[in-house]
C-alpha atoms as a PDB file:
ATOM      1  CA  MET A   1      42.594  72.209 112.248  1.00  0.00           C
ATOM      2  CA  LYS A   2      44.815  74.694 113.788  1.00  0.00           C
ATOM      3  CA  GLU A   3      47.058  71.956 115.528  1.00  0.00           C
ATOM      4  CA  LEU A   4      47.238  70.077 112.393  1.00  0.00           C
ATOM      5  CA  LEU A   5      48.750  72.850 110.470  1.00  0.00           C
ATOM      6  CA  TYR A   6      51.071  73.669 113.123  1.00  0.00           C
ATOM      7  CA  SER A   7      52.477  70.036 113.614  1.00  0.00           C
ATOM      8  CA  LEU A   8      52.826  70.112 109.970  1.00  0.00           C
ATOM      9  CA  ALA A   9      54.712  73.305 109.572  1.00  0.00           C
ATOM     10  CA  HIS A  10      56.901  72.468 112.903  1.00  0.00           C
ATOM     11  CA  GLU A  11      58.436  69.869 111.098  1.00  0.00           C
ATOM     12  CA  LEU A  12      59.613  71.945 108.102  1.00  0.00           C
ATOM     13  CA  VAL A  13      61.135  74.567 109.718  1.00  0.00           C
ATOM     14  CA  ASP A  14      64.484  75.548 111.300  1.00  0.00           C
ATOM     15  CA  HIS A  15      62.694  78.244 113.667  1.00  0.00           C
ATOM     16  CA  PRO A  16      59.786  76.367 115.377  1.00  0.00           C
ATOM     17  CA  GLU A  17      59.982  78.993 118.469  1.00  0.00           C
ATOM     18  CA  SER A  18      58.842  81.316 115.926  1.00  0.00           C
ATOM     19  CA  LEU A  19      55.712  79.847 114.472  1.00  0.00           C
ATOM     20  CA  ASP A  20      52.457  80.941 115.117  1.00  0.00           C
ATOM     21  CA  VAL A  21      49.057  79.674 113.793  1.00  0.00           C
ATOM     22  CA  ARG A  22      45.925  81.830 114.264  1.00  0.00           C
ATOM     23  CA  GLU A  23      42.028  80.608 113.509  1.00  0.00           C
ATOM     24  CA  GLU A  24      39.440  82.884 112.649  1.00  0.00           C
ATOM     25  CA  GLU A  25      35.781  81.225 111.785  1.00  0.00           C
ATOM     26  CA  ASN A  26      33.176  83.265 109.845  1.00  0.00           C
ATOM     27  CA  LYS A  27      30.094  81.807 108.400  1.00  0.00           C
ATOM     28  CA  GLY A  28      31.443  78.372 108.052  1.00  0.00           C
ATOM     29  CA  VAL A  29      34.581  79.361 106.901  1.00  0.00           C
ATOM     30  CA  VAL A  30      38.001  78.771 108.704  1.00  0.00           C
ATOM     31  CA  THR A  31      40.957  81.279 107.980  1.00  0.00           C
ATOM     32  CA  LEU A  32      44.064  79.804 109.104  1.00  0.00           C
ATOM     33  CA  SER A  33      47.111  82.296 109.365  1.00  0.00           C
ATOM     34  CA  LEU A  34      50.484  80.686 109.447  1.00  0.00           C
ATOM     35  CA  ARG A  35      53.146  82.991 110.641  1.00  0.00           C
ATOM     36  CA  VAL A  36      56.867  81.619 110.403  1.00  0.00           C
ATOM     37  CA  HIS A  37      60.460  82.860 110.425  1.00  0.00           C
ATOM     38  CA  PRO A  38      61.462  84.855 107.120  1.00  0.00           C
ATOM     39  CA  GLU A  39      64.312  82.380 106.612  1.00  0.00           C
ATOM     40  CA  ASP A  40      61.686  79.359 106.781  1.00  0.00           C
ATOM     41  CA  MET A  41      59.588  80.882 104.002  1.00  0.00           C
ATOM     42  CA  GLY A  42      61.192  78.906 101.547  1.00  0.00           C
ATOM     43  CA  LYS A  43      60.840  75.685 103.344  1.00  0.00           C
ATOM     44  CA  VAL A  44      56.937  76.228 104.025  1.00  0.00           C
ATOM     45  CA  ILE A  45      56.294  77.147 100.434  1.00  0.00           C
ATOM     46  CA  GLY A  46      58.427  74.898  98.443  1.00  0.00           C
ATOM     47  CA  LYS A  47      59.610  75.086  94.943  1.00  0.00           C
ATOM     48  CA  GLN A  48      56.577  76.364  93.139  1.00  0.00           C
ATOM     49  CA  GLY A  49      54.303  76.334  95.940  1.00  0.00           C
ATOM     50  CA  ARG A  50      54.203  72.577  96.260  1.00  0.00           C
ATOM     51  CA  ILE A  51      54.459  72.071  99.897  1.00  0.00           C
ATOM     52  CA  ALA A  52      51.921  74.838 100.665  1.00  0.00           C
ATOM     53  CA  ASN A  53      49.326  73.272  98.266  1.00  0.00           C
ATOM     54  CA  SER A  54      49.923  69.919  99.849  1.00  0.00           C
ATOM     55  CA  MET A  55      49.393  71.497 103.377  1.00  0.00           C
ATOM     56  CA  ARG A  56      46.250  73.222 101.730  1.00  0.00           C
ATOM     57  CA  GLN A  57      44.792  69.929 100.227  1.00  0.00           C
ATOM     58  CA  VAL A  58      45.429  67.916 103.495  1.00  0.00           C
ATOM     59  CA  LEU A  59      43.585  70.792 105.557  1.00  0.00           C
ATOM     60  CA  LYS A  60      41.023  70.822 102.721  1.00  0.00           C
ATOM     61  CA  ALA A  61      40.029  67.186 103.485  1.00  0.00           C
ATOM     62  CA  CYS A  62      40.074  67.756 107.219  1.00  0.00           C
ATOM     63  CA  ALA A  63      37.457  70.686 106.787  1.00  0.00           C
ATOM     64  CA  ILE A  64      35.372  68.376 104.776  1.00  0.00           C
ATOM     65  CA  LYS A  65      34.685  66.380 107.619  1.00  0.00           C
ATOM     66  CA  GLU A  66      33.857  69.288 109.860  1.00  0.00           C
ATOM     67  CA  ASN A  67      31.536  70.551 107.066  1.00  0.00           C
ATOM     68  CA  VAL A  68      33.366  74.030 106.638  1.00  0.00           C
ATOM     69  CA  LYS A  69      35.617  75.512 104.216  1.00  0.00           C
ATOM     70  CA  VAL A  70      39.137  76.505 105.020  1.00  0.00           C
ATOM     71  CA  ASN A  71      41.805  78.966 103.735  1.00  0.00           C
ATOM     72  CA  VAL A  72      45.622  79.013 104.501  1.00  0.00           C
ATOM     73  CA  ASP A  73      47.405  82.030 104.650  1.00  0.00           C
ATOM     74  CA  ILE A  74      51.170  81.821 105.056  1.00  0.00           C
ATOM     75  CA  ASP A  75      52.902  85.297 106.336  1.00  0.00           C
ATOM     76  CA  GLN A  76      56.382  86.316 107.702  1.00  0.00           C
ATOM     77  CA  ILE A  77      56.931  87.528 111.468  1.00  0.00           C
END
């Protein structure tokens, strides 16, 4: 799932070299932390959070296949 989130975000941002995705698993819950350049925050989140919600839905569908739950956090570097 980490690679999926990275590839989705990589296509959206202007500063792909500053992308960082971290994955932590705790009791069947996977937390993915996406860190982006401050100038790319709007592109990753989208208007009213639509792009971020779409990425979360895709990752949740992937998580169902792996029998885990997933949380996605988006932060600035």
